């Protein structure tokens, strides 16, 4: 039982480490953030690992998303 728990904990830790590394990489690649914003978001990712990574990754992805129209109707002139 102890070995199984240790392997599971190691896999979860490795996945969390990978998520935090990917999020930090995505933050530092974002050209619209200042150096201070990047540093604060990176600290947030590493101080609150899972929640921080999810929030910051969603922020970076939202910054790169093209705006979409609210409806498919076109206005007539």
PDB file of N, CA and C in Angstrom:
ATOM      1  N   UNK A   1       0.824  -1.197   0.000  1.00  0.00           N
ATOM      2  CA  UNK A   1       0.000   0.000   0.000  1.00  0.00           C
ATOM      3  C   UNK A   1       0.865   1.257   0.000  1.00  0.00           C
ATOM      4  N   UNK A   2       1.955   1.256   0.739  1.00  0.00           N
ATOM      5  CA  UNK A   2       2.827   2.418   0.839  1.00  0.00           C
ATOM      6  C   UNK A   2       3.500   2.751  -0.477  1.00  0.00           C
ATOM      7  N   UNK A   3       3.913   1.717  -1.223  1.00  0.00           N
ATOM      8  CA  UNK A   3       4.556   1.939  -2.514  1.00  0.00           C
ATOM      9  C   UNK A   3       3.569   2.536  -3.508  1.00  0.00           C
ATOM     10  N   UNK A   4       2.343   2.016  -3.503  1.00  0.00           N
ATOM     11  CA  UNK A   4       1.308   2.519  -4.406  1.00  0.00           C
ATOM     12  C   UNK A   4       1.018   3.998  -4.110  1.00  0.00           C
ATOM     13  N   UNK A   5       0.927   4.350  -2.845  1.00  0.00           N
ATOM     14  CA  UNK A   5       0.668   5.729  -2.453  1.00  0.00           C
ATOM     15  C   UNK A   5       1.836   6.629  -2.849  1.00  0.00           C
ATOM     16  N   UNK A   6       3.051   6.138  -2.692  1.00  0.00           N
ATOM     17  CA  UNK A   6       4.227   6.913  -3.069  1.00  0.00           C
ATOM     18  C   UNK A   6       4.307   7.167  -4.559  1.00  0.00           C
ATOM     19  N   UNK A   7       3.976   6.156  -5.358  1.00  0.00           N
ATOM     20  CA  UNK A   7       3.986   6.312  -6.815  1.00  0.00           C
ATOM     21  C   UNK A   7       2.898   7.293  -7.248  1.00  0.00           C
ATOM     22  N   UNK A   8       1.729   7.181  -6.666  1.00  0.00           N
ATOM     23  CA  UNK A   8       0.631   8.090  -6.986  1.00  0.00           C
ATOM     24  C   UNK A   8       0.996   9.529  -6.626  1.00  0.00           C
ATOM     25  N   UNK A   9       1.563   9.723  -5.457  1.00  0.00           N
ATOM     26  CA  UNK A   9       1.966  11.065  -5.029  1.00  0.00           C
ATOM     27  C   UNK A   9       3.041  11.622  -5.957  1.00  0.00           C
ATOM     28  N   UNK A  10       3.948  10.783  -6.385  1.00  0.00           N
ATOM     29  CA  UNK A  10       5.001  11.220  -7.308  1.00  0.00           C
ATOM     30  C   UNK A  10       4.422  11.632  -8.658  1.00  0.00           C
ATOM     31  N   UNK A  11       3.457  10.886  -9.163  1.00  0.00           N
ATOM     32  CA  UNK A  11       2.823  11.230 -10.435  1.00  0.00           C
ATOM     33  C   UNK A  11       2.037  12.537 -10.342  1.00  0.00           C
ATOM     34  N   UNK A  12       1.332  12.732  -9.240  1.00  0.00           N
ATOM     35  CA  UNK A  12       0.582  13.971  -9.043  1.00  0.00           C
ATOM     36  C   UNK A  12       1.541  15.155  -8.942  1.00  0.00           C
ATOM     37  N   UNK A  13       2.627  14.982  -8.201  1.00  0.00           N
ATOM     38  CA  UNK A  13       3.625  16.048  -8.062  1.00  0.00           C
ATOM     39  C   UNK A  13       4.279  16.372  -9.397  1.00  0.00           C
ATOM     40  N   UNK A  14       4.566  15.358 -10.197  1.00  0.00           N
ATOM     41  CA  UNK A  14       5.170  15.578 -11.506  1.00  0.00           C
ATOM     42  C   UNK A  14       4.200  16.312 -12.437  1.00  0.00           C
ATOM     43  N   UNK A  15       2.937  15.957 -12.395  1.00  0.00           N
ATOM     44  CA  UNK A  15       1.935  16.632 -13.222  1.00  0.00           C
ATOM     45  C   UNK A  15       1.782  18.087 -12.796  1.00  0.00           C
ATOM     46  N   UNK A  16       1.766  18.338 -11.511  1.00  0.00           N
ATOM     47  CA  UNK A  16       1.655  19.695 -10.999  1.00  0.00           C
ATOM     48  C   UNK A  16       2.883  20.526 -11.365  1.00  0.00           C
ATOM     49  N   UNK A  17       4.054  19.925 -11.269  1.00  0.00           N
ATOM     50  CA  UNK A  17       5.285  20.598 -11.667  1.00  0.00           C
ATOM     51  C   UNK A  17       5.248  20.948 -13.160  1.00  0.00           C
ATOM     52  N   UNK A  18       4.801  20.012 -13.976  1.00  0.00           N
ATOM     53  CA  UNK A  18       4.693  20.261 -15.411  1.00  0.00           C
ATOM     54  C   UNK A  18       3.708  21.381 -15.729  1.00  0.00           C
ATOM     55  N   UNK A  19       2.574  21.398 -15.043  1.00  0.00           N
ATOM     56  CA  UNK A  19       1.578  22.446 -15.251  1.00  0.00           C
ATOM     57  C   UNK A  19       2.142  23.806 -14.853  1.00  0.00           C
ATOM     58  N   UNK A  20       2.825  23.867 -13.724  1.00  0.00           N
ATOM     59  CA  UNK A  20       3.408  25.132 -13.271  1.00  0.00           C
ATOM     60  C   UNK A  20       4.507  25.607 -14.211  1.00  0.00           C
ATOM     61  N   UNK A  21       5.329  24.704 -14.698  1.00  0.00           N
ATOM     62  CA  UNK A  21       6.380  25.084 -15.650  1.00  0.00           C
ATOM     63  C   UNK A  21       5.780  25.602 -16.954  1.00  0.00           C
ATOM     64  N   UNK A  22       4.774  24.908 -17.467  1.00  0.00           N
ATOM     65  CA  UNK A  22       4.120  25.336 -18.705  1.00  0.00           C
ATOM     66  C   UNK A  22       3.469  26.709 -18.530  1.00  0.00           C
ATOM     67  N   UNK A  23       2.794  26.918 -17.405  1.00  0.00           N
ATOM     68  CA  UNK A  23       2.131  28.195 -17.156  1.00  0.00           C
ATOM     69  C   UNK A  23       3.148  29.323 -17.043  1.00  0.00           C
ATOM     70  N   UNK A  24       4.239  29.074 -16.343  1.00  0.00           N
ATOM     71  CA  UNK A  24       5.287  30.091 -16.224  1.00  0.00           C
ATOM     72  C   UNK A  24       5.863  30.429 -17.590  1.00  0.00           C
ATOM     73  N   UNK A  25       6.089  29.434 -18.411  1.00  0.00           N
ATOM     74  CA  UNK A  25       6.595  29.636 -19.770  1.00  0.00           C
ATOM     75  C   UNK A  25       5.607  30.470 -20.587  1.00  0.00           C
ATOM     76  N   UNK A  26       4.311  30.158 -20.472  1.00  0.00           N
ATOM     77  CA  UNK A  26       3.284  30.903 -21.215  1.00  0.00           C
ATOM     78  C   UNK A  26       3.217  32.354 -20.745  1.00  0.00           C
ATOM     79  N   UNK A  27       3.368  32.584 -19.455  1.00  0.00           N
ATOM     80  CA  UNK A  27       3.352  33.945 -18.915  1.00  0.00           C
ATOM     81  C   UNK A  27       4.518  34.751 -19.484  1.00  0.00           C
ATOM     82  N   UNK A  28       5.705  34.187 -19.467  1.00  0.00           N
ATOM     83  CA  UNK A  28       6.892  34.929 -19.900  1.00  0.00           C
ATOM     84  C   UNK A  28       6.959  35.099 -21.411  1.00  0.00           C
ATOM     85  N   UNK A  29       6.169  34.353 -22.163  1.00  0.00           N
ATOM     86  CA  UNK A  29       6.105  34.542 -23.619  1.00  0.00           C
ATOM     87  C   UNK A  29       5.103  35.618 -24.007  1.00  0.00           C
ATOM     88  N   UNK A  30       4.251  36.043 -23.102  1.00  0.00           N
ATOM     89  CA  UNK A  30       3.193  37.008 -23.412  1.00  0.00           C
ATOM     90  C   UNK A  30       3.782  38.422 -23.536  1.00  0.00           C
ATOM     91  N   UNK A  31       3.746  39.011 -24.743  1.00  0.00           N
ATOM     92  CA  UNK A  31       4.371  40.320 -24.935  1.00  0.00           C
ATOM     93  C   UNK A  31       3.578  41.489 -24.338  1.00  0.00           C
ATOM     94  N   UNK A  32       2.295  41.302 -24.060  1.00  0.00           N
ATOM     95  CA  UNK A  32       1.469  42.394 -23.545  1.00  0.00           C
ATOM     96  C   UNK A  32       1.601  42.603 -22.045  1.00  0.00           C
ATOM     97  N   UNK A  33       2.297  41.734 -21.348  1.00  0.00           N
ATOM     98  CA  UNK A  33       2.498  41.888 -19.911  1.00  0.00           C
ATOM     99  C   UNK A  33       3.831  42.583 -19.648  1.00  0.00           C
ATOM    100  N   UNK A  34       3.851  43.426 -18.614  1.00  0.00           N
ATOM    101  CA  UNK A  34       5.109  44.057 -18.218  1.00  0.00           C
ATOM    102  C   UNK A  34       5.934  43.050 -17.416  1.00  0.00           C
ATOM    103  N   UNK A  35       7.178  43.389 -17.194  1.00  0.00           N
ATOM    104  CA  UNK A  35       8.046  42.508 -16.414  1.00  0.00           C
ATOM    105  C   UNK A  35       7.521  42.273 -15.004  1.00  0.00           C
ATOM    106  N   UNK A  36       6.974  43.325 -14.387  1.00  0.00           N
ATOM    107  CA  UNK A  36       6.429  43.191 -13.031  1.00  0.00           C
ATOM    108  C   UNK A  36       5.191  42.291 -13.033  1.00  0.00           C
ATOM    109  N   UNK A  37       4.339  42.438 -14.035  1.00  0.00           N
ATOM    110  CA  UNK A  37       3.148  41.583 -14.128  1.00  0.00           C
ATOM    111  C   UNK A  37       3.545  40.125 -14.310  1.00  0.00           C
ATOM    112  N   UNK A  38       4.555  39.896 -15.122  1.00  0.00           N
ATOM    113  CA  UNK A  38       5.033  38.531 -15.327  1.00  0.00           C
ATOM    114  C   UNK A  38       5.591  37.952 -14.038  1.00  0.00           C
ATOM    115  N   UNK A  39       6.336  38.756 -13.302  1.00  0.00           N
ATOM    116  CA  UNK A  39       6.923  38.285 -12.045  1.00  0.00           C
ATOM    117  C   UNK A  39       5.841  37.983 -11.011  1.00  0.00           C
ATOM    118  N   UNK A  40       4.845  38.844 -10.908  1.00  0.00           N
ATOM    119  CA  UNK A  40       3.770  38.637  -9.929  1.00  0.00           C
ATOM    120  C   UNK A  40       2.945  37.405 -10.291  1.00  0.00           C
ATOM    121  N   UNK A  41       2.614  37.253 -11.566  1.00  0.00           N
ATOM    122  CA  UNK A  41       1.842  36.082 -11.967  1.00  0.00           C
ATOM    123  C   UNK A  41       2.645  34.798 -11.773  1.00  0.00           C
ATOM    124  N   UNK A  42       3.934  34.848 -12.061  1.00  0.00           N
ATOM    125  CA  UNK A  42       4.777  33.666 -11.857  1.00  0.00           C
ATOM    126  C   UNK A  42       4.840  33.296 -10.377  1.00  0.00           C
ATOM    127  N   UNK A  43       4.970  34.300  -9.526  1.00  0.00           N
ATOM    128  CA  UNK A  43       4.985  34.041  -8.081  1.00  0.00           C
ATOM    129  C   UNK A  43       3.657  33.432  -7.637  1.00  0.00           C
ATOM    130  N   UNK A  44       2.548  33.941  -8.176  1.00  0.00           N
ATOM    131  CA  UNK A  44       1.229  33.413  -7.855  1.00  0.00           C
ATOM    132  C   UNK A  44       1.124  31.938  -8.239  1.00  0.00           C
ATOM    133  N   UNK A  45       1.667  31.600  -9.405  1.00  0.00           N
ATOM    134  CA  UNK A  45       1.642  30.208  -9.883  1.00  0.00           C
ATOM    135  C   UNK A  45       2.395  29.298  -8.913  1.00  0.00           C
ATOM    136  N   UNK A  46       3.554  29.725  -8.448  1.00  0.00           N
ATOM    137  CA  UNK A  46       4.393  28.869  -7.623  1.00  0.00           C
ATOM    138  C   UNK A  46       4.014  28.899  -6.150  1.00  0.00           C
ATOM    139  N   UNK A  47       3.357  29.977  -5.687  1.00  0.00           N
ATOM    140  CA  UNK A  47       2.931  30.032  -4.284  1.00  0.00           C
ATOM    141  C   UNK A  47       1.608  29.308  -4.055  1.00  0.00           C
ATOM    142  N   UNK A  48       0.737  29.320  -5.054  1.00  0.00           N
ATOM    143  CA  UNK A  48      -0.550  28.603  -4.987  1.00  0.00           C
ATOM    144  C   UNK A  48      -0.590  27.702  -6.211  1.00  0.00           C
ATOM    145  N   UNK A  49       0.094  26.562  -6.180  1.00  0.00           N
ATOM    146  CA  UNK A  49       0.387  25.788  -7.384  1.00  0.00           C
ATOM    147  C   UNK A  49      -0.782  25.479  -8.321  1.00  0.00           C
ATOM    148  N   UNK A  50      -1.792  24.794  -7.920  1.00  0.00           N
ATOM    149  CA  UNK A  50      -2.835  24.384  -8.865  1.00  0.00           C
ATOM    150  C   UNK A  50      -3.753  25.545  -9.227  1.00  0.00           C
ATOM    151  N   UNK A  51      -4.283  26.221  -8.242  1.00  0.00           N
ATOM    152  CA  UNK A  51      -5.206  27.332  -8.491  1.00  0.00           C
ATOM    153  C   UNK A  51      -4.505  28.473  -9.227  1.00  0.00           C
ATOM    154  N   UNK A  52      -3.297  28.800  -8.812  1.00  0.00           N
ATOM    155  CA  UNK A  52      -2.546  29.870  -9.465  1.00  0.00           C
ATOM    156  C   UNK A  52      -2.270  29.567 -10.927  1.00  0.00           C
ATOM    157  N   UNK A  53      -1.914  28.327 -11.217  1.00  0.00           N
ATOM    158  CA  UNK A  53      -1.637  27.938 -12.602  1.00  0.00           C
ATOM    159  C   UNK A  53      -2.898  28.007 -13.452  1.00  0.00           C
ATOM    160  N   UNK A  54      -4.001  27.564 -12.938  1.00  0.00           N
ATOM    161  CA  UNK A  54      -5.257  27.579 -13.699  1.00  0.00           C
ATOM    162  C   UNK A  54      -5.678  29.014 -13.989  1.00  0.00           C
ATOM    163  N   UNK A  55      -5.639  29.871 -12.969  1.00  0.00           N
ATOM    164  CA  UNK A  55      -6.061  31.263 -13.142  1.00  0.00           C
ATOM    165  C   UNK A  55      -5.155  31.983 -14.134  1.00  0.00           C
ATOM    166  N   UNK A  56      -3.846  31.885 -13.950  1.00  0.00           N
ATOM    167  CA  UNK A  56      -2.913  32.609 -14.818  1.00  0.00           C
ATOM    168  C   UNK A  56      -2.931  32.077 -16.249  1.00  0.00           C
ATOM    169  N   UNK A  57      -3.069  30.790 -16.408  1.00  0.00           N
ATOM    170  CA  UNK A  57      -3.144  30.233 -17.758  1.00  0.00           C
ATOM    171  C   UNK A  57      -4.396  30.717 -18.480  1.00  0.00           C
ATOM    172  N   UNK A  58      -5.507  30.812 -17.759  1.00  0.00           N
ATOM    173  CA  UNK A  58      -6.733  31.333 -18.366  1.00  0.00           C
ATOM    174  C   UNK A  58      -6.602  32.809 -18.717  1.00  0.00           C
ATOM    175  N   UNK A  59      -5.905  33.575 -17.897  1.00  0.00           N
ATOM    176  CA  UNK A  59      -5.682  34.992 -18.192  1.00  0.00           C
ATOM    177  C   UNK A  59      -4.854  35.137 -19.463  1.00  0.00           C
ATOM    178  N   UNK A  60      -3.769  34.380 -19.567  1.00  0.00           N
ATOM    179  CA  UNK A  60      -2.908  34.468 -20.748  1.00  0.00           C
ATOM    180  C   UNK A  60      -3.656  34.023 -21.996  1.00  0.00           C
ATOM    181  N   UNK A  61      -4.430  32.976 -21.894  1.00  0.00           N
ATOM    182  CA  UNK A  61      -5.202  32.513 -23.058  1.00  0.00           C
ATOM    183  C   UNK A  61      -6.264  33.519 -23.458  1.00  0.00           C
ATOM    184  N   UNK A  62      -6.894  34.180 -22.487  1.00  0.00           N
ATOM    185  CA  UNK A  62      -7.913  35.184 -22.793  1.00  0.00           C
ATOM    186  C   UNK A  62      -7.287  36.392 -23.485  1.00  0.00           C
ATOM    187  N   UNK A  63      -6.050  36.717 -23.146  1.00  0.00           N
ATOM    188  CA  UNK A  63      -5.372  37.837 -23.778  1.00  0.00           C
ATOM    189  C   UNK A  63      -5.088  37.555 -25.251  1.00  0.00           C
ATOM    190  N   UNK A  64      -4.902  36.304 -25.604  1.00  0.00           N
ATOM    191  CA  UNK A  64      -4.563  35.928 -26.970  1.00  0.00           C
ATOM    192  C   UNK A  64      -5.777  35.589 -27.823  1.00  0.00           C
ATOM    193  N   UNK A  65      -6.948  35.581 -27.227  1.00  0.00           N
ATOM    194  CA  UNK A  65      -8.164  35.194 -27.940  1.00  0.00           C
ATOM    195  C   UNK A  65      -8.682  36.376 -28.750  1.00  0.00           C
ATOM    196  N   UNK A  66      -9.120  36.100 -29.955  1.00  0.00           N
ATOM    197  CA  UNK A  66      -9.723  37.118 -30.803  1.00  0.00           C
ATOM    198  C   UNK A  66     -11.131  37.407 -30.289  1.00  0.00           C
ATOM    199  N   UNK A  67     -11.532  38.664 -30.293  1.00  0.00           N
ATOM    200  CA  UNK A  67     -12.896  38.971 -29.860  1.00  0.00           C
ATOM    201  C   UNK A  67     -13.917  38.382 -30.824  1.00  0.00           C
ATOM    202  N   UNK A  68     -15.008  37.912 -30.286  1.00  0.00           N
ATOM    203  CA  UNK A  68     -16.066  37.332 -31.109  1.00  0.00           C
ATOM    204  C   UNK A  68     -17.311  38.192 -31.051  1.00  0.00           C
ATOM    205  N   UNK A  69     -18.083  38.159 -32.112  1.00  0.00           N
ATOM    206  CA  UNK A  69     -19.328  38.919 -32.147  1.00  0.00           C
ATOM    207  C   UNK A  69     -20.336  38.313 -31.194  1.00  0.00           C
ATOM    208  N   UNK A  70     -21.186  39.141 -30.643  1.00  0.00           N
ATOM    209  CA  UNK A  70     -22.190  38.646 -29.694  1.00  0.00           C
ATOM    210  C   UNK A  70     -23.360  37.955 -30.391  1.00  0.00           C
ATOM    211  N   UNK A  71     -23.615  38.301 -31.634  1.00  0.00           N
ATOM    212  CA  UNK A  71     -24.712  37.649 -32.351  1.00  0.00           C
ATOM    213  C   UNK A  71     -24.310  37.471 -33.813  1.00  0.00           C
ATOM    214  N   UNK A  72     -25.073  36.665 -34.502  1.00  0.00           N
ATOM    215  CA  UNK A  72     -24.813  36.419 -35.920  1.00  0.00           C
ATOM    216  C   UNK A  72     -25.568  37.381 -36.825  1.00  0.00           C
ATOM    217  N   UNK A  73     -26.376  38.241 -36.231  1.00  0.00           N
ATOM    218  CA  UNK A  73     -27.166  39.175 -37.021  1.00  0.00           C
ATOM    219  C   UNK A  73     -26.283  40.320 -37.496  1.00  0.00           C
ATOM    220  N   UNK A  74     -26.509  40.725 -38.733  1.00  0.00           N
ATOM    221  CA  UNK A  74     -25.782  41.866 -39.264  1.00  0.00           C
ATOM    222  C   UNK A  74     -26.673  43.095 -39.205  1.00  0.00           C
ATOM    223  N   UNK A  75     -26.063  44.217 -39.014  1.00  0.00           N
ATOM    224  CA  UNK A  75     -26.860  45.453 -38.974  1.00  0.00           C
ATOM    225  C   UNK A  75     -27.080  45.959 -40.396  1.00  0.00           C
ATOM    226  N   UNK A  76     -28.265  46.470 -40.638  1.00  0.00           N
ATOM    227  CA  UNK A  76     -28.561  47.037 -41.954  1.00  0.00           C
ATOM    228  C   UNK A  76     -28.344  48.542 -41.892  1.00  0.00           C
ATOM    229  N   UNK A  77     -27.848  49.045 -42.970  1.00  0.00           N
ATOM    230  CA  UNK A  77     -27.570  50.491 -42.994  1.00  0.00           C
ATOM    231  C   UNK A  77     -28.533  51.218 -43.867  1.00  0.00           C
TER     232      UNK A  77
END
